[in-house]
Amino acid sequence: MSLVDAISSPRLNTYKTSFNCNFDNDALKYYYWNQAISAEIYVLLHNIEICLRNRIHTALSLNISELNNDTLSDNYKWYGFFDFNVPDKDDPTKMVLGETGKVVASAKRNLSQKRMRKTPQNVISNIDFGAWRHIFQISHCKNGEVIEWDKINPKIFVHYGDIRNREKRKVVMDRLREIGLLRNRVAHLEPVWKFKERKIGNRVIAEPSSPTQIFSNLNQEIAATVRFLGWLCTDTYSFYIKTKSYKNLQKLIQHQTIQDFGL
């Protein structure tokens, strides 16, 4: 079986179209380059995922334990007090468990199936990355208390600046959305550089239409993702940018690196 047969010609079509390749064999180097860069991006995303969920967990634990007049704790079952219900699509007068609540419930079920204790740390470590963005959209606790995100967010994005500012907060949330999409592309072995038109804050970024634009957008995307890590934890950021993985990533996002993957 040839390399093309192993990958499949249809899977190479995106690479052929985007990088102006006439034949499947010409697209192979871009395919294997995408594999290499995906591996290094995964390391960056792993650092972000761990930092993000721990920042959220600590900030919400402190806030909700205080709200409940309980012993102040940075490891608290805050998710047990959030109102995850949303109006039913078929009957808006009826409230049903929303998708974010279902993810939390699924995390608890997974722990039960593994016969593991449902400690706060175990529960949050089983919540999918994609759900964390939606946690910020929960507005109330079950008892009707408003979740004070203006007080909580600065304790999550400690090094961002004034996240209480509506426009600046939108930039953070838009970036978190894009990081989630990037993570999905890595997880599903898709081209990590294939960006559709998107909006970050008030800035519209067009879908790339040439190899030059692909690399330009990819460089900007990686730089913005690394900055996001710095918003969460400067220590992790400082450590990460000294790693071999980061240096490899910086090399891989340069167009000339493609030649290293030629057959």
C-alpha atoms as a PDB file:
ATOM      1  CA  MET A   1       0.000   0.000   0.000  1.00  0.00           C
ATOM      2  CA  SER A   2       1.388   3.418  -0.973  1.00  0.00           C
ATOM      3  CA  LEU A   3       1.449   6.419   1.385  1.00  0.00           C
ATOM      4  CA  VAL A   4      -1.339   8.031  -0.632  1.00  0.00           C
ATOM      5  CA  ASP A   5      -3.481   4.899  -0.371  1.00  0.00           C
ATOM      6  CA  ALA A   6      -2.812   4.694   3.378  1.00  0.00           C
ATOM      7  CA  ILE A   7      -3.983   8.291   3.902  1.00  0.00           C
ATOM      8  CA  SER A   8      -6.550   8.338   1.056  1.00  0.00           C
ATOM      9  CA  SER A   9      -6.732  10.763  -1.829  1.00  0.00           C
ATOM     10  CA  PRO A  10      -9.910  12.513  -0.545  1.00  0.00           C
ATOM     11  CA  ARG A  11      -8.149  13.292   2.736  1.00  0.00           C
ATOM     12  CA  LEU A  12      -5.342  14.985   0.818  1.00  0.00           C
ATOM     13  CA  ASN A  13      -7.704  17.168  -1.235  1.00  0.00           C
ATOM     14  CA  THR A  14      -7.686  20.014   1.293  1.00  0.00           C
ATOM     15  CA  TYR A  15      -3.891  20.098   1.213  1.00  0.00           C
ATOM     16  CA  LYS A  16      -3.793  19.989  -2.592  1.00  0.00           C
ATOM     17  CA  THR A  17      -6.266  22.858  -2.901  1.00  0.00           C
ATOM     18  CA  SER A  18      -4.800  25.066  -0.173  1.00  0.00           C
ATOM     19  CA  PHE A  19      -1.152  24.652  -1.184  1.00  0.00           C
ATOM     20  CA  ASN A  20      -1.654  24.519  -4.960  1.00  0.00           C
ATOM     21  CA  CYS A  21      -0.490  20.920  -5.389  1.00  0.00           C
ATOM     22  CA  ASN A  22      -1.170  19.175  -8.706  1.00  0.00           C
ATOM     23  CA  PHE A  23      -0.782  15.628  -7.425  1.00  0.00           C
ATOM     24  CA  ASP A  24      -1.452  13.673  -4.253  1.00  0.00           C
ATOM     25  CA  ASN A  25       2.257  12.959  -3.792  1.00  0.00           C
ATOM     26  CA  ASP A  26       2.988  16.693  -3.789  1.00  0.00           C
ATOM     27  CA  ALA A  27       0.562  17.162  -0.874  1.00  0.00           C
ATOM     28  CA  LEU A  28       2.163  14.497   1.341  1.00  0.00           C
ATOM     29  CA  LYS A  29       4.777  16.844   2.795  1.00  0.00           C
ATOM     30  CA  TYR A  30       2.018  19.237   3.919  1.00  0.00           C
ATOM     31  CA  TYR A  31       0.086  16.371   5.460  1.00  0.00           C
ATOM     32  CA  TYR A  32       3.049  15.154   7.493  1.00  0.00           C
ATOM     33  CA  TRP A  33       3.965  18.735   8.401  1.00  0.00           C
ATOM     34  CA  ASN A  34       0.444  19.117   9.784  1.00  0.00           C
ATOM     35  CA  GLN A  35       0.968  15.976  11.879  1.00  0.00           C
ATOM     36  CA  ALA A  36       4.178  17.389  13.362  1.00  0.00           C
ATOM     37  CA  ILE A  37       2.744  20.806  14.135  1.00  0.00           C
ATOM     38  CA  SER A  38      -0.401  19.254  15.662  1.00  0.00           C
ATOM     39  CA  ALA A  39       1.752  17.317  18.119  1.00  0.00           C
ATOM     40  CA  GLU A  40       3.452  20.503  19.339  1.00  0.00           C
ATOM     41  CA  ILE A  41       0.200  22.483  19.478  1.00  0.00           C
ATOM     42  CA  TYR A  42      -1.241  19.734  21.666  1.00  0.00           C
ATOM     43  CA  VAL A  43       1.444  20.420  24.286  1.00  0.00           C
ATOM     44  CA  LEU A  44       0.495  24.111  24.338  1.00  0.00           C
ATOM     45  CA  LEU A  45      -3.223  23.308  24.573  1.00  0.00           C
ATOM     46  CA  HIS A  46      -2.595  20.837  27.386  1.00  0.00           C
ATOM     47  CA  ASN A  47      -0.937  23.585  29.435  1.00  0.00           C
ATOM     48  CA  ILE A  48      -3.846  25.941  28.768  1.00  0.00           C
ATOM     49  CA  GLU A  49      -6.489  23.341  29.621  1.00  0.00           C
ATOM     50  CA  ILE A  50      -4.954  22.459  32.984  1.00  0.00           C
ATOM     51  CA  CYS A  51      -4.319  26.090  33.955  1.00  0.00           C
ATOM     52  CA  LEU A  52      -7.778  27.227  32.856  1.00  0.00           C
ATOM     53  CA  ARG A  53      -9.779  24.599  34.701  1.00  0.00           C
ATOM     54  CA  ASN A  54      -7.721  25.001  37.878  1.00  0.00           C
ATOM     55  CA  ARG A  55      -8.066  28.796  37.780  1.00  0.00           C
ATOM     56  CA  ILE A  56     -11.824  28.500  37.274  1.00  0.00           C
ATOM     57  CA  HIS A  57     -12.168  25.851  39.967  1.00  0.00           C
ATOM     58  CA  THR A  58     -10.204  27.822  42.560  1.00  0.00           C
ATOM     59  CA  ALA A  59     -11.977  31.123  41.844  1.00  0.00           C
ATOM     60  CA  LEU A  60     -15.462  29.583  41.885  1.00  0.00           C
ATOM     61  CA  SER A  61     -14.695  27.486  44.973  1.00  0.00           C
ATOM     62  CA  LEU A  62     -13.705  30.577  46.956  1.00  0.00           C
ATOM     63  CA  ASN A  63     -16.651  32.621  45.687  1.00  0.00           C
ATOM     64  CA  ILE A  64     -19.398  30.030  46.171  1.00  0.00           C
ATOM     65  CA  SER A  65     -18.139  28.751  49.535  1.00  0.00           C
ATOM     66  CA  GLU A  66     -18.176  32.352  50.789  1.00  0.00           C
ATOM     67  CA  LEU A  67     -21.604  32.956  49.255  1.00  0.00           C
ATOM     68  CA  ASN A  68     -22.934  29.939  51.140  1.00  0.00           C
ATOM     69  CA  ASN A  69     -21.425  31.216  54.418  1.00  0.00           C
ATOM     70  CA  ASP A  70     -19.458  27.974  54.465  1.00  0.00           C
ATOM     71  CA  THR A  71     -15.829  27.444  55.424  1.00  0.00           C
ATOM     72  CA  LEU A  72     -13.813  29.345  52.820  1.00  0.00           C
ATOM     73  CA  SER A  73     -12.311  26.751  50.479  1.00  0.00           C
ATOM     74  CA  ASP A  74     -10.381  26.718  47.212  1.00  0.00           C
ATOM     75  CA  ASN A  75     -11.581  23.147  46.537  1.00  0.00           C
ATOM     76  CA  TYR A  76     -15.370  23.340  46.809  1.00  0.00           C
ATOM     77  CA  LYS A  77     -18.323  21.715  45.003  1.00  0.00           C
ATOM     78  CA  TRP A  78     -19.410  24.952  43.340  1.00  0.00           C
ATOM     79  CA  TYR A  79     -20.974  23.041  40.445  1.00  0.00           C
ATOM     80  CA  GLY A  80     -23.499  21.596  42.893  1.00  0.00           C
ATOM     81  CA  PHE A  81     -24.932  25.085  43.447  1.00  0.00           C
ATOM     82  CA  PHE A  82     -24.995  26.341  39.838  1.00  0.00           C
ATOM     83  CA  ASP A  83     -28.347  26.471  38.068  1.00  0.00           C
ATOM     84  CA  PHE A  84     -27.637  24.626  34.831  1.00  0.00           C
ATOM     85  CA  ASN A  85     -31.283  24.548  33.743  1.00  0.00           C
ATOM     86  CA  VAL A  86     -32.374  26.211  30.500  1.00  0.00           C
ATOM     87  CA  PRO A  87     -35.794  26.637  28.801  1.00  0.00           C
ATOM     88  CA  ASP A  88     -36.895  23.608  26.819  1.00  0.00           C
ATOM     89  CA  LYS A  89     -36.657  24.245  23.063  1.00  0.00           C
ATOM     90  CA  ASP A  90     -40.070  22.668  22.452  1.00  0.00           C
ATOM     91  CA  ASP A  91     -41.745  24.188  25.498  1.00  0.00           C
ATOM     92  CA  PRO A  92     -40.059  27.403  26.739  1.00  0.00           C
ATOM     93  CA  THR A  93     -42.214  27.364  29.874  1.00  0.00           C
ATOM     94  CA  LYS A  94     -40.461  24.167  30.945  1.00  0.00           C
ATOM     95  CA  MET A  95     -36.916  24.114  32.345  1.00  0.00           C
ATOM     96  CA  VAL A  96     -34.557  21.254  31.467  1.00  0.00           C
ATOM     97  CA  LEU A  97     -30.914  20.475  32.200  1.00  0.00           C
ATOM     98  CA  GLY A  98     -28.697  22.375  29.747  1.00  0.00           C
ATOM     99  CA  GLU A  99     -25.717  20.981  27.855  1.00  0.00           C
ATOM    100  CA  THR A 100     -23.204  22.325  30.393  1.00  0.00           C
ATOM    101  CA  GLY A 101     -25.106  20.668  33.228  1.00  0.00           C
ATOM    102  CA  LYS A 102     -25.166  17.426  31.270  1.00  0.00           C
ATOM    103  CA  VAL A 103     -21.373  17.538  30.940  1.00  0.00           C
ATOM    104  CA  VAL A 104     -21.008  17.928  34.712  1.00  0.00           C
ATOM    105  CA  ALA A 105     -23.481  15.089  35.289  1.00  0.00           C
ATOM    106  CA  SER A 106     -21.543  12.946  32.800  1.00  0.00           C
ATOM    107  CA  ALA A 107     -18.301  13.651  34.683  1.00  0.00           C
ATOM    108  CA  LYS A 108     -19.900  12.371  37.881  1.00  0.00           C
ATOM    109  CA  ARG A 109     -21.224   9.248  36.125  1.00  0.00           C
ATOM    110  CA  ASN A 110     -17.773   8.515  34.743  1.00  0.00           C
ATOM    111  CA  LEU A 111     -16.339   8.622  38.242  1.00  0.00           C
ATOM    112  CA  SER A 112     -19.048   6.260  39.492  1.00  0.00           C
ATOM    113  CA  GLN A 113     -18.300   3.817  36.685  1.00  0.00           C
ATOM    114  CA  LYS A 114     -14.600   3.943  37.580  1.00  0.00           C
ATOM    115  CA  ARG A 115     -15.510   3.549  41.263  1.00  0.00           C
ATOM    116  CA  MET A 116     -13.693   6.766  42.040  1.00  0.00           C
ATOM    117  CA  ARG A 117     -14.689   9.301  44.674  1.00  0.00           C
ATOM    118  CA  LYS A 118     -16.611  12.344  43.425  1.00  0.00           C
ATOM    119  CA  THR A 119     -14.224  14.828  44.988  1.00  0.00           C
ATOM    120  CA  PRO A 120     -14.209  18.322  43.478  1.00  0.00           C
ATOM    121  CA  GLN A 121     -10.791  17.758  41.867  1.00  0.00           C
ATOM    122  CA  ASN A 122     -11.913  14.467  40.344  1.00  0.00           C
ATOM    123  CA  VAL A 123     -15.114  15.995  38.989  1.00  0.00           C
ATOM    124  CA  ILE A 124     -13.459  19.004  37.337  1.00  0.00           C
ATOM    125  CA  SER A 125     -10.736  16.847  35.796  1.00  0.00           C
ATOM    126  CA  ASN A 126     -13.471  14.865  34.029  1.00  0.00           C
ATOM    127  CA  ILE A 127     -15.216  17.916  32.557  1.00  0.00           C
ATOM    128  CA  ASP A 128     -14.526  18.272  28.824  1.00  0.00           C
ATOM    129  CA  PHE A 129     -12.495  21.282  27.736  1.00  0.00           C
ATOM    130  CA  GLY A 130     -15.289  22.523  25.481  1.00  0.00           C
ATOM    131  CA  ALA A 131     -17.625  22.908  28.455  1.00  0.00           C
ATOM    132  CA  TRP A 132     -15.461  25.389  30.333  1.00  0.00           C
ATOM    133  CA  ARG A 133     -16.257  28.234  27.940  1.00  0.00           C
ATOM    134  CA  HIS A 134     -19.951  27.743  28.616  1.00  0.00           C
ATOM    135  CA  ILE A 135     -19.466  27.781  32.386  1.00  0.00           C
ATOM    136  CA  PHE A 136     -19.026  31.556  32.039  1.00  0.00           C
ATOM    137  CA  GLN A 137     -22.557  31.809  30.640  1.00  0.00           C
ATOM    138  CA  ILE A 138     -24.218  30.468  33.804  1.00  0.00           C
ATOM    139  CA  SER A 139     -25.757  33.482  35.523  1.00  0.00           C
ATOM    140  CA  HIS A 140     -27.413  32.194  38.708  1.00  0.00           C
ATOM    141  CA  CYS A 141     -27.154  29.667  41.493  1.00  0.00           C
ATOM    142  CA  LYS A 142     -30.048  27.352  42.308  1.00  0.00           C
ATOM    143  CA  ASN A 143     -31.082  29.622  45.175  1.00  0.00           C
ATOM    144  CA  GLY A 144     -31.387  32.591  42.813  1.00  0.00           C
ATOM    145  CA  GLU A 145     -28.136  34.284  43.828  1.00  0.00           C
ATOM    146  CA  VAL A 146     -26.417  36.052  40.927  1.00  0.00           C
ATOM    147  CA  ILE A 147     -22.972  34.685  40.014  1.00  0.00           C
ATOM    148  CA  GLU A 148     -20.676  37.690  40.252  1.00  0.00           C
ATOM    149  CA  TRP A 149     -18.457  37.122  37.243  1.00  0.00           C
ATOM    150  CA  ASP A 150     -17.085  40.669  37.505  1.00  0.00           C
ATOM    151  CA  LYS A 151     -15.513  39.643  40.813  1.00  0.00           C
ATOM    152  CA  ILE A 152     -14.591  36.112  39.707  1.00  0.00           C
ATOM    153  CA  ASN A 153     -13.027  36.697  36.254  1.00  0.00           C
ATOM    154  CA  PRO A 154     -10.063  38.772  37.509  1.00  0.00           C
ATOM    155  CA  LYS A 155      -9.113  35.811  39.696  1.00  0.00           C
ATOM    156  CA  ILE A 156      -9.128  33.527  36.666  1.00  0.00           C
ATOM    157  CA  PHE A 157      -7.451  35.722  34.051  1.00  0.00           C
ATOM    158  CA  VAL A 158      -5.104  37.176  36.626  1.00  0.00           C
ATOM    159  CA  HIS A 159      -2.650  38.728  34.184  1.00  0.00           C
ATOM    160  CA  TYR A 160      -5.016  40.030  31.510  1.00  0.00           C
ATOM    161  CA  GLY A 161      -5.850  43.502  32.760  1.00  0.00           C
ATOM    162  CA  ASP A 162      -9.320  44.960  33.193  1.00  0.00           C
ATOM    163  CA  ILE A 163     -11.475  41.978  32.263  1.00  0.00           C
ATOM    164  CA  ARG A 164     -14.428  43.798  33.831  1.00  0.00           C
ATOM    165  CA  ASN A 165     -14.429  45.932  30.688  1.00  0.00           C
ATOM    166  CA  ARG A 166     -17.069  44.455  28.396  1.00  0.00           C
ATOM    167  CA  GLU A 167     -15.052  44.745  25.171  1.00  0.00           C
ATOM    168  CA  LYS A 168     -11.911  43.304  26.752  1.00  0.00           C
ATOM    169  CA  ARG A 169     -13.897  40.433  28.248  1.00  0.00           C
ATOM    170  CA  LYS A 170     -15.304  39.658  24.796  1.00  0.00           C
ATOM    171  CA  VAL A 171     -11.753  39.400  23.416  1.00  0.00           C
ATOM    172  CA  VAL A 172     -10.925  36.804  26.091  1.00  0.00           C
ATOM    173  CA  MET A 173     -14.085  34.781  25.450  1.00  0.00           C
ATOM    174  CA  ASP A 174     -13.637  34.937  21.674  1.00  0.00           C
ATOM    175  CA  ARG A 175     -10.063  33.723  22.066  1.00  0.00           C
ATOM    176  CA  LEU A 176     -11.221  30.892  24.325  1.00  0.00           C
ATOM    177  CA  ARG A 177     -13.726  29.878  21.634  1.00  0.00           C
ATOM    178  CA  GLU A 178     -10.985  29.809  19.002  1.00  0.00           C
ATOM    179  CA  ILE A 179      -8.726  27.739  21.255  1.00  0.00           C
ATOM    180  CA  GLY A 180     -11.568  25.238  21.614  1.00  0.00           C
ATOM    181  CA  LEU A 181     -11.907  25.031  17.825  1.00  0.00           C
ATOM    182  CA  LEU A 182      -8.144  24.588  17.458  1.00  0.00           C
ATOM    183  CA  ARG A 183      -8.239  21.797  20.023  1.00  0.00           C
ATOM    184  CA  ASN A 184     -11.023  20.077  18.060  1.00  0.00           C
ATOM    185  CA  ARG A 185      -8.969  20.204  14.861  1.00  0.00           C
ATOM    186  CA  VAL A 186      -5.967  18.685  16.635  1.00  0.00           C
ATOM    187  CA  ALA A 187      -8.101  15.986  18.269  1.00  0.00           C
ATOM    188  CA  HIS A 188      -9.782  15.014  14.984  1.00  0.00           C
ATOM    189  CA  LEU A 189      -6.551  15.024  12.945  1.00  0.00           C
ATOM    190  CA  GLU A 190      -7.794  17.919  10.814  1.00  0.00           C
ATOM    191  CA  PRO A 191      -5.637  20.653   9.233  1.00  0.00           C
ATOM    192  CA  VAL A 192      -4.789  22.948  12.156  1.00  0.00           C
ATOM    193  CA  TRP A 193      -4.227  25.880   9.805  1.00  0.00           C
ATOM    194  CA  LYS A 194      -7.675  25.740   8.192  1.00  0.00           C
ATOM    195  CA  PHE A 195      -9.317  28.820   9.714  1.00  0.00           C
ATOM    196  CA  LYS A 196     -12.690  30.140   8.628  1.00  0.00           C
ATOM    197  CA  GLU A 197     -13.524  33.838   8.853  1.00  0.00           C
ATOM    198  CA  ARG A 198     -13.833  34.718  12.514  1.00  0.00           C
ATOM    199  CA  LYS A 199     -14.192  37.663  14.845  1.00  0.00           C
ATOM    200  CA  ILE A 200     -12.005  38.357  17.874  1.00  0.00           C
ATOM    201  CA  GLY A 201     -13.445  41.268  19.814  1.00  0.00           C
ATOM    202  CA  ASN A 202     -14.187  43.871  17.118  1.00  0.00           C
ATOM    203  CA  ARG A 203     -11.541  42.541  14.712  1.00  0.00           C
ATOM    204  CA  VAL A 204     -12.599  40.375  11.765  1.00  0.00           C
ATOM    205  CA  ILE A 205      -9.983  37.896  10.505  1.00  0.00           C
ATOM    206  CA  ALA A 206     -10.606  36.668   6.973  1.00  0.00           C
ATOM    207  CA  GLU A 207     -10.302  33.045   5.902  1.00  0.00           C
ATOM    208  CA  PRO A 208      -6.857  32.569   4.290  1.00  0.00           C
ATOM    209  CA  SER A 209      -6.908  32.078   0.535  1.00  0.00           C
ATOM    210  CA  SER A 210      -3.217  31.452  -0.222  1.00  0.00           C
ATOM    211  CA  PRO A 211      -0.244  29.641   1.342  1.00  0.00           C
ATOM    212  CA  THR A 212       1.215  32.998   2.405  1.00  0.00           C
ATOM    213  CA  GLN A 213      -1.987  33.918   4.229  1.00  0.00           C
ATOM    214  CA  ILE A 214      -2.193  30.450   5.779  1.00  0.00           C
ATOM    215  CA  PHE A 215       1.229  30.844   7.384  1.00  0.00           C
ATOM    216  CA  SER A 216       0.554  34.436   8.380  1.00  0.00           C
ATOM    217  CA  ASN A 217      -2.712  33.462  10.108  1.00  0.00           C
ATOM    218  CA  LEU A 218      -1.114  30.416  11.700  1.00  0.00           C
ATOM    219  CA  ASN A 219       1.677  32.522  13.205  1.00  0.00           C
ATOM    220  CA  GLN A 220      -0.864  34.991  14.592  1.00  0.00           C
ATOM    221  CA  GLU A 221      -3.035  32.197  15.965  1.00  0.00           C
ATOM    222  CA  ILE A 222      -0.157  30.505  17.781  1.00  0.00           C
ATOM    223  CA  ALA A 223       1.092  33.826  19.195  1.00  0.00           C
ATOM    224  CA  ALA A 224      -2.403  34.660  20.485  1.00  0.00           C
ATOM    225  CA  THR A 225      -2.809  31.199  22.015  1.00  0.00           C
ATOM    226  CA  VAL A 226       0.523  31.503  23.831  1.00  0.00           C
ATOM    227  CA  ARG A 227      -0.526  34.947  25.115  1.00  0.00           C
ATOM    228  CA  PHE A 228      -3.734  33.390  26.460  1.00  0.00           C
ATOM    229  CA  LEU A 229      -1.617  31.017  28.556  1.00  0.00           C
ATOM    230  CA  GLY A 230       0.174  34.064  29.966  1.00  0.00           C
ATOM    231  CA  TRP A 231      -3.159  35.626  30.959  1.00  0.00           C
ATOM    232  CA  LEU A 232      -3.789  32.585  33.137  1.00  0.00           C
ATOM    233  CA  CYS A 233      -0.384  31.923  34.684  1.00  0.00           C
ATOM    234  CA  THR A 234       2.885  33.762  34.088  1.00  0.00           C
ATOM    235  CA  ASP A 235       4.924  30.975  35.705  1.00  0.00           C
ATOM    236  CA  THR A 236       3.533  28.346  33.325  1.00  0.00           C
ATOM    237  CA  TYR A 237       3.969  30.740  30.403  1.00  0.00           C
ATOM    238  CA  SER A 238       7.607  31.454  31.333  1.00  0.00           C
ATOM    239  CA  PHE A 239       8.334  27.740  31.670  1.00  0.00           C
ATOM    240  CA  TYR A 240       6.566  26.802  28.429  1.00  0.00           C
ATOM    241  CA  ILE A 241       8.396  29.287  26.182  1.00  0.00           C
ATOM    242  CA  LYS A 242      11.704  27.783  27.324  1.00  0.00           C
ATOM    243  CA  THR A 243      10.707  24.241  26.347  1.00  0.00           C
ATOM    244  CA  LYS A 244      11.898  22.310  23.324  1.00  0.00           C
ATOM    245  CA  SER A 245       8.263  21.876  22.289  1.00  0.00           C
ATOM    246  CA  TYR A 246       7.747  25.646  22.015  1.00  0.00           C
ATOM    247  CA  LYS A 247      10.975  26.057  20.042  1.00  0.00           C
ATOM    248  CA  ASN A 248       9.914  23.255  17.687  1.00  0.00           C
ATOM    249  CA  LEU A 249       6.527  24.919  17.246  1.00  0.00           C
ATOM    250  CA  GLN A 250       8.134  28.249  16.377  1.00  0.00           C
ATOM    251  CA  LYS A 251      10.203  26.494  13.742  1.00  0.00           C
ATOM    252  CA  LEU A 252       7.284  24.534  12.310  1.00  0.00           C
ATOM    253  CA  ILE A 253       5.092  27.591  11.710  1.00  0.00           C
ATOM    254  CA  GLN A 254       7.651  28.966   9.253  1.00  0.00           C
ATOM    255  CA  HIS A 255       6.939  28.230   5.576  1.00  0.00           C
ATOM    256  CA  GLN A 256      10.483  27.065   4.772  1.00  0.00           C
ATOM    257  CA  THR A 257      10.138  24.217   7.274  1.00  0.00           C
ATOM    258  CA  ILE A 258       7.833  22.412   4.829  1.00  0.00           C
ATOM    259  CA  GLN A 259      10.864  21.290   2.839  1.00  0.00           C
ATOM    260  CA  ASP A 260      11.952  19.130   5.798  1.00  0.00           C
ATOM    261  CA  PHE A 261       8.947  16.913   5.097  1.00  0.00           C
ATOM    262  CA  GLY A 262       9.633  16.355   1.407  1.00  0.00           C
ATOM    263  CA  LEU A 263       9.955  12.759   0.263  1.00  0.00           C
END
